[in-house]
PDB file of all heavy atoms in Angstrom:
ATOM      1  N   TRP A   1     -40.141 110.970-114.095  1.00  0.00           N
ATOM      2  CA  TRP A   1     -40.566 110.029-113.058  1.00  0.00           C
ATOM      3  C   TRP A   1     -40.432 110.623-111.660  1.00  0.00           C
ATOM      4  O   TRP A   1     -41.039 110.141-110.729  1.00  0.00           O
ATOM      5  CB  TRP A   1     -39.747 108.747-113.146  1.00  0.00           C
ATOM      6  CG  TRP A   1     -39.927 108.007-114.435  1.00  0.00           C
ATOM      7  CD1 TRP A   1     -40.786 108.294-115.451  1.00  0.00           C
ATOM      8  CD2 TRP A   1     -39.203 106.843-114.849  1.00  0.00           C
ATOM      9  NE1 TRP A   1     -40.652 107.397-116.477  1.00  0.00           N
ATOM     10  CE2 TRP A   1     -39.682 106.491-116.138  1.00  0.00           C
ATOM     11  CE3 TRP A   1     -38.206 106.063-114.284  1.00  0.00           C
ATOM     12  CZ2 TRP A   1     -39.208 105.398-116.835  1.00  0.00           C
ATOM     13  CZ3 TRP A   1     -37.728 104.971-114.975  1.00  0.00           C
ATOM     14  CH2 TRP A   1     -38.220 104.637-116.240  1.00  0.00           C
ATOM     15  N   GLN A   2     -39.555 111.644-111.568  1.00  0.00           N
ATOM     16  CA  GLN A   2     -39.346 112.366-110.314  1.00  0.00           C
ATOM     17  C   GLN A   2     -38.960 111.450-109.146  1.00  0.00           C
ATOM     18  O   GLN A   2     -39.519 111.519-108.061  1.00  0.00           O
ATOM     19  CB  GLN A   2     -40.598 113.186-109.960  1.00  0.00           C
ATOM     20  CG  GLN A   2     -40.877 114.267-110.995  1.00  0.00           C
ATOM     21  CD  GLN A   2     -42.082 115.121-110.682  1.00  0.00           C
ATOM     22  OE1 GLN A   2     -42.930 114.727-109.894  1.00  0.00           O
ATOM     23  NE2 GLN A   2     -42.167 116.283-111.289  1.00  0.00           N
ATOM     24  N   TRP A   3     -37.988 110.566-109.431  1.00  0.00           N
ATOM     25  CA  TRP A   3     -37.397 109.783-108.344  1.00  0.00           C
ATOM     26  C   TRP A   3     -36.651 110.735-107.419  1.00  0.00           C
ATOM     27  O   TRP A   3     -36.179 111.797-107.845  1.00  0.00           O
ATOM     28  CB  TRP A   3     -36.413 108.758-108.894  1.00  0.00           C
ATOM     29  CG  TRP A   3     -37.057 107.584-109.578  1.00  0.00           C
ATOM     30  CD1 TRP A   3     -38.377 107.448-109.942  1.00  0.00           C
ATOM     31  CD2 TRP A   3     -36.410 106.388-109.994  1.00  0.00           C
ATOM     32  NE1 TRP A   3     -38.570 106.246-110.572  1.00  0.00           N
ATOM     33  CE2 TRP A   3     -37.381 105.572-110.613  1.00  0.00           C
ATOM     34  CE3 TRP A   3     -35.106 105.926-109.918  1.00  0.00           C
ATOM     35  CZ2 TRP A   3     -37.096 104.319-111.134  1.00  0.00           C
ATOM     36  CZ3 TRP A   3     -34.797 104.673-110.443  1.00  0.00           C
ATOM     37  CH2 TRP A   3     -35.788 103.875-111.049  1.00  0.00           C
ATOM     38  N   ASN A   4     -36.484 110.329-106.160  1.00  0.00           N
ATOM     39  CA  ASN A   4     -35.699 111.178-105.270  1.00  0.00           C
ATOM     40  C   ASN A   4     -34.222 111.127-105.661  1.00  0.00           C
ATOM     41  O   ASN A   4     -33.778 110.189-106.325  1.00  0.00           O
ATOM     42  CB  ASN A   4     -35.896 110.774-103.799  1.00  0.00           C
ATOM     43  CG  ASN A   4     -35.514 109.314-103.555  1.00  0.00           C
ATOM     44  OD1 ASN A   4     -34.428 108.870-103.915  1.00  0.00           O
ATOM     45  ND2 ASN A   4     -36.410 108.558-102.945  1.00  0.00           N
ATOM     46  N   LYS A   5     -33.481 112.131-105.259  1.00  0.00           N
ATOM     47  CA  LYS A   5     -32.091 112.277-105.710  1.00  0.00           C
ATOM     48  C   LYS A   5     -31.206 111.077-105.377  1.00  0.00           C
ATOM     49  O   LYS A   5     -30.472 110.589-106.239  1.00  0.00           O
ATOM     50  CB  LYS A   5     -31.491 113.562-105.134  1.00  0.00           C
ATOM     51  CG  LYS A   5     -31.697 114.768-106.035  1.00  0.00           C
ATOM     52  CD  LYS A   5     -30.815 115.920-105.614  1.00  0.00           C
ATOM     53  CE  LYS A   5     -30.941 117.059-106.633  1.00  0.00           C
ATOM     54  NZ  LYS A   5     -30.087 118.205-106.280  1.00  0.00           N
ATOM     55  N   PRO A   6     -31.222 110.572-104.125  1.00  0.00           N
ATOM     56  CA  PRO A   6     -30.344 109.431-103.810  1.00  0.00           C
ATOM     57  C   PRO A   6     -30.591 108.219-104.719  1.00  0.00           C
ATOM     58  O   PRO A   6     -29.644 107.584-105.194  1.00  0.00           O
ATOM     59  CB  PRO A   6     -30.700 109.107-102.354  1.00  0.00           C
ATOM     60  CG  PRO A   6     -31.224 110.384-101.791  1.00  0.00           C
ATOM     61  CD  PRO A   6     -31.941 111.043-102.926  1.00  0.00           C
ATOM     62  N   THR A   7     -31.876 107.915-104.994  1.00  0.00           N
ATOM     63  CA  THR A   7     -32.199 106.744-105.835  1.00  0.00           C
ATOM     64  C   THR A   7     -31.734 106.950-107.269  1.00  0.00           C
ATOM     65  O   THR A   7     -31.122 106.060-107.874  1.00  0.00           O
ATOM     66  CB  THR A   7     -33.725 106.485-105.822  1.00  0.00           C
ATOM     67  OG1 THR A   7     -34.177 106.406-104.475  1.00  0.00           O
ATOM     68  CG2 THR A   7     -34.055 105.197-106.541  1.00  0.00           C
ATOM     69  N   SER A   8     -32.027 108.133-107.830  1.00  0.00           N
ATOM     70  CA  SER A   8     -31.655 108.395-109.221  1.00  0.00           C
ATOM     71  C   SER A   8     -30.142 108.472-109.390  1.00  0.00           C
ATOM     72  O   SER A   8     -29.595 107.988-110.396  1.00  0.00           O
ATOM     73  CB  SER A   8     -32.318 109.680-109.724  1.00  0.00           C
ATOM     74  OG  SER A   8     -31.992 110.770-108.896  1.00  0.00           O
ATOM     75  N   ILE A   9     -29.448 109.050-108.426  1.00  0.00           N
ATOM     76  CA  ILE A   9     -27.980 109.145-108.508  1.00  0.00           C
ATOM     77  C   ILE A   9     -27.350 107.762-108.349  1.00  0.00           C
ATOM     78  O   ILE A   9     -26.351 107.451-109.004  1.00  0.00           O
ATOM     79  CB  ILE A   9     -27.439 110.138-107.455  1.00  0.00           C
ATOM     80  CG1 ILE A   9     -27.813 111.568-107.871  1.00  0.00           C
ATOM     81  CG2 ILE A   9     -25.924 110.014-107.313  1.00  0.00           C
ATOM     82  CD1 ILE A   9     -27.516 112.624-106.841  1.00  0.00           C
ATOM     83  N   THR A  10     -27.958 106.908-107.521  1.00  0.00           N
ATOM     84  CA  THR A  10     -27.470 105.525-107.384  1.00  0.00           C
ATOM     85  C   THR A  10     -27.583 104.794-108.714  1.00  0.00           C
ATOM     86  O   THR A  10     -26.657 104.082-109.131  1.00  0.00           O
ATOM     87  CB  THR A  10     -28.276 104.767-106.306  1.00  0.00           C
ATOM     88  OG1 THR A  10     -28.138 105.442-105.060  1.00  0.00           O
ATOM     89  CG2 THR A  10     -27.791 103.330-106.166  1.00  0.00           C
ATOM     90  N   PHE A  11     -28.727 104.978-109.399  1.00  0.00           N
ATOM     91  CA  PHE A  11     -28.917 104.377-110.727  1.00  0.00           C
ATOM     92  C   PHE A  11     -27.835 104.853-111.684  1.00  0.00           C
ATOM     93  O   PHE A  11     -27.170 104.052-112.353  1.00  0.00           O
ATOM     94  CB  PHE A  11     -30.302 104.749-111.280  1.00  0.00           C
ATOM     95  CG  PHE A  11     -30.493 104.418-112.738  1.00  0.00           C
ATOM     96  CD1 PHE A  11     -30.946 103.166-113.117  1.00  0.00           C
ATOM     97  CD2 PHE A  11     -30.208 105.345-113.733  1.00  0.00           C
ATOM     98  CE1 PHE A  11     -31.121 102.852-114.464  1.00  0.00           C
ATOM     99  CE2 PHE A  11     -30.366 105.048-115.068  1.00  0.00           C
ATOM    100  CZ  PHE A  11     -30.831 103.787-115.429  1.00  0.00           C
ATOM    101  N   LEU A  12     -27.652 106.170-111.760  1.00  0.00           N
ATOM    102  CA  LEU A  12     -26.687 106.743-112.700  1.00  0.00           C
ATOM    103  C   LEU A  12     -25.280 106.257-112.403  1.00  0.00           C
ATOM    104  O   LEU A  12     -24.576 105.771-113.309  1.00  0.00           O
ATOM    105  CB  LEU A  12     -26.729 108.272-112.635  1.00  0.00           C
ATOM    106  CG  LEU A  12     -25.689 109.005-113.505  1.00  0.00           C
ATOM    107  CD1 LEU A  12     -26.010 108.815-114.972  1.00  0.00           C
ATOM    108  CD2 LEU A  12     -25.635 110.488-113.160  1.00  0.00           C
ATOM    109  N   SER A  13     -24.855 106.361-111.149  1.00  0.00           N
ATOM    110  CA  SER A  13     -23.460 106.028-110.806  1.00  0.00           C
ATOM    111  C   SER A  13     -23.159 104.547-111.007  1.00  0.00           C
ATOM    112  O   SER A  13     -22.099 104.184-111.527  1.00  0.00           O
ATOM    113  CB  SER A  13     -23.160 106.441-109.359  1.00  0.00           C
ATOM    114  OG  SER A  13     -24.082 105.862-108.464  1.00  0.00           O
ATOM    115  N   THR A  14     -24.116 103.677-110.641  1.00  0.00           N
ATOM    116  CA  THR A  14     -23.894 102.224-110.775  1.00  0.00           C
ATOM    117  C   THR A  14     -23.652 101.831-112.226  1.00  0.00           C
ATOM    118  O   THR A  14     -22.645 101.199-112.569  1.00  0.00           O
ATOM    119  CB  THR A  14     -25.094 101.430-110.213  1.00  0.00           C
ATOM    120  OG1 THR A  14     -25.283 101.761-108.848  1.00  0.00           O
ATOM    121  CG2 THR A  14     -24.861  99.928-110.348  1.00  0.00           C
ATOM    122  N   PHE A  15     -24.589 102.214-113.090  1.00  0.00           N
ATOM    123  CA  PHE A  15     -24.487 101.773-114.484  1.00  0.00           C
ATOM    124  C   PHE A  15     -23.479 102.587-115.282  1.00  0.00           C
ATOM    125  O   PHE A  15     -22.868 102.068-116.223  1.00  0.00           O
ATOM    126  CB  PHE A  15     -25.870 101.805-115.143  1.00  0.00           C
ATOM    127  CG  PHE A  15     -26.812 100.790-114.558  1.00  0.00           C
ATOM    128  CD1 PHE A  15     -27.916 101.190-113.824  1.00  0.00           C
ATOM    129  CD2 PHE A  15     -26.581  99.436-114.713  1.00  0.00           C
ATOM    130  CE1 PHE A  15     -28.786 100.254-113.272  1.00  0.00           C
ATOM    131  CE2 PHE A  15     -27.433  98.496-114.165  1.00  0.00           C
ATOM    132  CZ  PHE A  15     -28.542  98.902-113.433  1.00  0.00           C
ATOM    133  N   LEU A  16     -23.275 103.842-114.881  1.00  0.00           N
ATOM    134  CA  LEU A  16     -22.277 104.651-115.585  1.00  0.00           C
ATOM    135  C   LEU A  16     -20.866 104.131-115.305  1.00  0.00           C
ATOM    136  O   LEU A  16     -20.019 104.126-116.209  1.00  0.00           O
ATOM    137  CB  LEU A  16     -22.397 106.123-115.163  1.00  0.00           C
ATOM    138  CG  LEU A  16     -21.796 107.155-116.123  1.00  0.00           C
ATOM    139  CD1 LEU A  16     -22.391 107.018-117.516  1.00  0.00           C
ATOM    140  CD2 LEU A  16     -22.022 108.572-115.596  1.00  0.00           C
ATOM    141  N   ILE A  17     -20.613 103.670-114.091  1.00  0.00           N
ATOM    142  CA  ILE A  17     -19.304 103.088-113.757  1.00  0.00           C
ATOM    143  C   ILE A  17     -19.046 101.850-114.611  1.00  0.00           C
ATOM    144  O   ILE A  17     -17.956 101.659-115.163  1.00  0.00           O
ATOM    145  CB  ILE A  17     -19.221 102.755-112.252  1.00  0.00           C
ATOM    146  CG1 ILE A  17     -19.104 104.045-111.424  1.00  0.00           C
ATOM    147  CG2 ILE A  17     -18.039 101.830-111.958  1.00  0.00           C
ATOM    148  CD1 ILE A  17     -19.280 103.843-109.930  1.00  0.00           C
ATOM    149  N   ILE A  18     -20.086 100.987-114.738  1.00  0.00           N
ATOM    150  CA  ILE A  18     -19.942  99.766-115.551  1.00  0.00           C
ATOM    151  C   ILE A  18     -19.693 100.131-117.014  1.00  0.00           C
ATOM    152  O   ILE A  18     -18.791  99.591-117.666  1.00  0.00           O
ATOM    153  CB  ILE A  18     -21.209  98.888-115.430  1.00  0.00           C
ATOM    154  CG1 ILE A  18     -21.367  98.384-113.992  1.00  0.00           C
ATOM    155  CG2 ILE A  18     -21.136  97.706-116.399  1.00  0.00           C
ATOM    156  CD1 ILE A  18     -22.710  97.719-113.721  1.00  0.00           C
ATOM    157  N   ASP A  19     -20.496 101.078-117.537  1.00  0.00           N
ATOM    158  CA  ASP A  19     -20.350 101.493-118.939  1.00  0.00           C
ATOM    159  C   ASP A  19     -18.982 102.125-119.197  1.00  0.00           C
ATOM    160  O   ASP A  19     -18.344 101.846-120.230  1.00  0.00           O
ATOM    161  CB  ASP A  19     -21.446 102.498-119.308  1.00  0.00           C
ATOM    162  CG  ASP A  19     -22.837 101.878-119.309  1.00  0.00           C
ATOM    163  OD1 ASP A  19     -22.924 100.642-119.436  1.00  0.00           O
ATOM    164  OD2 ASP A  19     -23.818 102.633-119.181  1.00  0.00           O
ATOM    165  N   LEU A  20     -18.524 102.960-118.281  1.00  0.00           N
ATOM    166  CA  LEU A  20     -17.225 103.619-118.452  1.00  0.00           C
ATOM    167  C   LEU A  20     -16.082 102.616-118.362  1.00  0.00           C
ATOM    168  O   LEU A  20     -15.064 102.769-119.043  1.00  0.00           O
ATOM    169  CB  LEU A  20     -17.042 104.725-117.406  1.00  0.00           C
ATOM    170  CG  LEU A  20     -17.892 105.987-117.637  1.00  0.00           C
ATOM    171  CD1 LEU A  20     -17.808 106.919-116.434  1.00  0.00           C
ATOM    172  CD2 LEU A  20     -17.432 106.718-118.901  1.00  0.00           C
ATOM    173  N   LEU A  21     -16.251 101.589-117.525  1.00  0.00           N
ATOM    174  CA  LEU A  21     -15.230 100.536-117.437  1.00  0.00           C
ATOM    175  C   LEU A  21     -15.097  99.834-118.785  1.00  0.00           C
ATOM    176  O   LEU A  21     -13.978  99.625-119.289  1.00  0.00           O
ATOM    177  CB  LEU A  21     -15.614  99.530-116.346  1.00  0.00           C
ATOM    178  CG  LEU A  21     -14.723  98.284-116.225  1.00  0.00           C
ATOM    179  CD1 LEU A  21     -13.293  98.670-115.845  1.00  0.00           C
ATOM    180  CD2 LEU A  21     -15.289  97.306-115.199  1.00  0.00           C
ATOM    181  N   PHE A  22     -16.240  99.494-119.393  1.00  0.00           N
ATOM    182  CA  PHE A  22     -16.215  98.837-120.704  1.00  0.00           C
ATOM    183  C   PHE A  22     -15.665  99.778-121.783  1.00  0.00           C
ATOM    184  O   PHE A  22     -14.871  99.359-122.638  1.00  0.00           O
ATOM    185  CB  PHE A  22     -17.615  98.360-121.094  1.00  0.00           C
ATOM    186  CG  PHE A  22     -18.029  97.075-120.437  1.00  0.00           C
ATOM    187  CD1 PHE A  22     -19.213  96.998-119.716  1.00  0.00           C
ATOM    188  CD2 PHE A  22     -17.252  95.934-120.541  1.00  0.00           C
ATOM    189  CE1 PHE A  22     -19.612  95.814-119.107  1.00  0.00           C
ATOM    190  CE2 PHE A  22     -17.634  94.740-119.939  1.00  0.00           C
ATOM    191  CZ  PHE A  22     -18.822  94.686-119.215  1.00  0.00           C
ATOM    192  N   LEU A  23     -16.077 101.043-121.747  1.00  0.00           N
ATOM    193  CA  LEU A  23     -15.615 102.002-122.761  1.00  0.00           C
ATOM    194  C   LEU A  23     -14.116 102.229-122.663  1.00  0.00           C
ATOM    195  O   LEU A  23     -13.406 102.220-123.682  1.00  0.00           O
ATOM    196  CB  LEU A  23     -16.353 103.333-122.609  1.00  0.00           C
ATOM    197  CG  LEU A  23     -15.962 104.419-123.616  1.00  0.00           C
ATOM    198  CD1 LEU A  23     -16.381 104.021-125.022  1.00  0.00           C
ATOM    199  CD2 LEU A  23     -16.572 105.766-123.245  1.00  0.00           C
ATOM    200  N   SER A  24     -13.610 102.413-121.448  1.00  0.00           N
ATOM    201  CA  SER A  24     -12.174 102.680-121.273  1.00  0.00           C
ATOM    202  C   SER A  24     -11.337 101.468-121.671  1.00  0.00           C
ATOM    203  O   SER A  24     -10.262 101.614-122.269  1.00  0.00           O
ATOM    204  CB  SER A  24     -11.875 103.100-119.833  1.00  0.00           C
ATOM    205  OG  SER A  24     -12.396 102.159-118.921  1.00  0.00           O
ATOM    206  N   SER A  25     -11.821 100.255-121.371  1.00  0.00           N
ATOM    207  CA  SER A  25     -11.067  99.063-121.779  1.00  0.00           C
ATOM    208  C   SER A  25     -11.084  98.903-123.293  1.00  0.00           C
ATOM    209  O   SER A  25     -10.095  98.479-123.904  1.00  0.00           O
ATOM    210  CB  SER A  25     -11.625  97.809-121.100  1.00  0.00           C
ATOM    211  OG  SER A  25     -12.968  97.600-121.460  1.00  0.00           O
ATOM    212  N   ASN A  26     -12.216  99.264-123.918  1.00  0.00           N
ATOM    213  CA  ASN A  26     -12.297  99.188-125.381  1.00  0.00           C
ATOM    214  C   ASN A  26     -11.494 100.292-126.062  1.00  0.00           C
ATOM    215  O   ASN A  26     -11.118 100.152-127.227  1.00  0.00           O
ATOM    216  CB  ASN A  26     -13.755  99.273-125.826  1.00  0.00           C
ATOM    217  CG  ASN A  26     -14.446  97.931-125.816  1.00  0.00           C
ATOM    218  OD1 ASN A  26     -14.316  97.126-126.732  1.00  0.00           O
ATOM    219  ND2 ASN A  26     -15.179  97.651-124.748  1.00  0.00           N
ATOM    220  N   SER A  27     -11.246 101.397-125.342  1.00  0.00           N
ATOM    221  CA  SER A  27     -10.480 102.494-125.931  1.00  0.00           C
ATOM    222  C   SER A  27      -9.052 102.067-126.267  1.00  0.00           C
ATOM    223  O   SER A  27      -8.401 102.666-127.128  1.00  0.00           O
ATOM    224  CB  SER A  27     -10.456 103.697-124.987  1.00  0.00           C
ATOM    225  OG  SER A  27      -9.749 103.393-123.802  1.00  0.00           O
ATOM    226  N   LEU A  28      -8.567 101.011-125.602  1.00  0.00           N
ATOM    227  CA  LEU A  28      -7.233 100.495-125.903  1.00  0.00           C
ATOM    228  C   LEU A  28      -7.180  99.824-127.280  1.00  0.00           C
ATOM    229  O   LEU A  28      -6.093  99.567-127.806  1.00  0.00           O
ATOM    230  CB  LEU A  28      -6.794  99.498-124.817  1.00  0.00           C
ATOM    231  CG  LEU A  28      -6.731 100.078-123.393  1.00  0.00           C
ATOM    232  CD1 LEU A  28      -6.506  98.978-122.378  1.00  0.00           C
ATOM    233  CD2 LEU A  28      -5.630 101.116-123.287  1.00  0.00           C
ATOM    234  N   LYS A  29      -8.366  99.551-127.844  1.00  0.00           N
ATOM    235  CA  LYS A  29      -8.418  98.942-129.176  1.00  0.00           C
ATOM    236  C   LYS A  29      -8.319  99.975-130.294  1.00  0.00           C
ATOM    237  O   LYS A  29      -8.237  99.613-131.470  1.00  0.00           O
ATOM    238  CB  LYS A  29      -9.751  98.187-129.363  1.00  0.00           C
ATOM    239  CG  LYS A  29     -10.007  97.045-128.397  1.00  0.00           C
ATOM    240  CD  LYS A  29     -11.387  96.457-128.696  1.00  0.00           C
ATOM    241  CE  LYS A  29     -11.743  95.314-127.784  1.00  0.00           C
ATOM    242  NZ  LYS A  29     -13.091  94.779-128.079  1.00  0.00           N
ATOM    243  N   ILE A  30      -8.356 101.256-129.936  1.00  0.00           N
ATOM    244  CA  ILE A  30      -8.409 102.310-130.952  1.00  0.00           C
ATOM    245  C   ILE A  30      -7.292 102.191-131.993  1.00  0.00           C
ATOM    246  O   ILE A  30      -7.564 102.256-133.203  1.00  0.00           O
ATOM    247  CB  ILE A  30      -8.422 103.711-130.288  1.00  0.00           C
ATOM    248  CG1 ILE A  30      -9.763 103.923-129.578  1.00  0.00           C
ATOM    249  CG2 ILE A  30      -8.188 104.818-131.325  1.00  0.00           C
ATOM    250  CD1 ILE A  30      -9.849 105.207-128.773  1.00  0.00           C
ATOM    251  N   PRO A  31      -6.027 101.994-131.592  1.00  0.00           N
ATOM    252  CA  PRO A  31      -4.974 101.889-132.626  1.00  0.00           C
ATOM    253  C   PRO A  31      -5.106 100.665-133.516  1.00  0.00           C
ATOM    254  O   PRO A  31      -4.563 100.625-134.616  1.00  0.00           O
ATOM    255  CB  PRO A  31      -3.669 101.814-131.798  1.00  0.00           C
ATOM    256  CG  PRO A  31      -4.034 102.299-130.436  1.00  0.00           C
ATOM    257  CD  PRO A  31      -5.457 101.917-130.237  1.00  0.00           C
ATOM    258  N   HIS A  32      -5.838  99.625-133.056  1.00  0.00           N
ATOM    259  CA  HIS A  32      -5.912  98.360-133.792  1.00  0.00           C
ATOM    260  C   HIS A  32      -7.222  98.183-134.557  1.00  0.00           C
ATOM    261  O   HIS A  32      -7.563  97.074-134.962  1.00  0.00           O
ATOM    262  CB  HIS A  32      -5.722  97.184-132.812  1.00  0.00           C
ATOM    263  CG  HIS A  32      -4.515  97.315-131.954  1.00  0.00           C
ATOM    264  ND1 HIS A  32      -3.231  97.175-132.442  1.00  0.00           N
ATOM    265  CD2 HIS A  32      -4.381  97.613-130.634  1.00  0.00           C
ATOM    266  CE1 HIS A  32      -2.356  97.357-131.462  1.00  0.00           C
ATOM    267  NE2 HIS A  32      -3.027  97.629-130.353  1.00  0.00           N
ATOM    268  N   GLY A  33      -7.966  99.249-134.735  1.00  0.00           N
ATOM    269  CA  GLY A  33      -9.216  99.164-135.495  1.00  0.00           C
ATOM    270  C   GLY A  33     -10.379  99.857-134.809  1.00  0.00           C
ATOM    271  O   GLY A  33     -11.392 100.140-135.452  1.00  0.00           O
ATOM    272  N   GLY A  34     -10.247 100.131-133.506  1.00  0.00           N
ATOM    273  CA  GLY A  34     -11.316 100.806-132.787  1.00  0.00           C
ATOM    274  C   GLY A  34     -11.556 102.226-133.270  1.00  0.00           C
ATOM    275  O   GLY A  34     -12.605 102.813-132.990  1.00  0.00           O
ATOM    276  N   TRP A  35     -10.578 102.778-134.012  1.00  0.00           N
ATOM    277  CA  TRP A  35     -10.728 104.134-134.555  1.00  0.00           C
ATOM    278  C   TRP A  35     -11.848 104.197-135.597  1.00  0.00           C
ATOM    279  O   TRP A  35     -12.439 105.263-135.821  1.00  0.00           O
ATOM    280  CB  TRP A  35      -9.411 104.593-135.199  1.00  0.00           C
ATOM    281  CG  TRP A  35      -8.896 103.641-136.247  1.00  0.00           C
ATOM    282  CD1 TRP A  35      -8.029 102.608-136.072  1.00  0.00           C
ATOM    283  CD2 TRP A  35      -9.254 103.613-137.635  1.00  0.00           C
ATOM    284  NE1 TRP A  35      -7.819 101.934-137.243  1.00  0.00           N
ATOM    285  CE2 TRP A  35      -8.555 102.540-138.227  1.00  0.00           C
ATOM    286  CE3 TRP A  35     -10.082 104.400-138.428  1.00  0.00           C
ATOM    287  CZ2 TRP A  35      -8.671 102.229-139.566  1.00  0.00           C
ATOM    288  CZ3 TRP A  35     -10.201 104.085-139.775  1.00  0.00           C
ATOM    289  CH2 TRP A  35      -9.496 103.012-140.328  1.00  0.00           C
ATOM    290  N   LEU A  36     -12.138 103.068-136.230  1.00  0.00           N
ATOM    291  CA  LEU A  36     -13.081 103.065-137.349  1.00  0.00           C
ATOM    292  C   LEU A  36     -14.488 103.530-136.956  1.00  0.00           C
ATOM    293  O   LEU A  36     -15.015 104.479-137.553  1.00  0.00           O
ATOM    294  CB  LEU A  36     -13.128 101.672-137.982  1.00  0.00           C
ATOM    295  CG  LEU A  36     -14.030 101.540-139.202  1.00  0.00           C
ATOM    296  CD1 LEU A  36     -13.471 102.332-140.372  1.00  0.00           C
ATOM    297  CD2 LEU A  36     -14.201 100.094-139.590  1.00  0.00           C
ATOM    298  N   PRO A  37     -15.137 102.893-135.948  1.00  0.00           N
ATOM    299  CA  PRO A  37     -16.473 103.381-135.591  1.00  0.00           C
ATOM    300  C   PRO A  37     -16.452 104.810-135.060  1.00  0.00           C
ATOM    301  O   PRO A  37     -17.436 105.545-135.211  1.00  0.00           O
ATOM    302  CB  PRO A  37     -16.949 102.397-134.508  1.00  0.00           C
ATOM    303  CG  PRO A  37     -15.725 101.732-134.011  1.00  0.00           C
ATOM    304  CD  PRO A  37     -14.765 101.711-135.155  1.00  0.00           C
TER     305      PRO A  37
END
């Protein structure tokens, strides 16, 4: 799509922060069953 760098990096950082927040909070479930998937 060749978006300019500021726009594409804004997209990546915004949603990656949200995804990483969910992943890191779910990582605490690993000892209680999260290890399975």
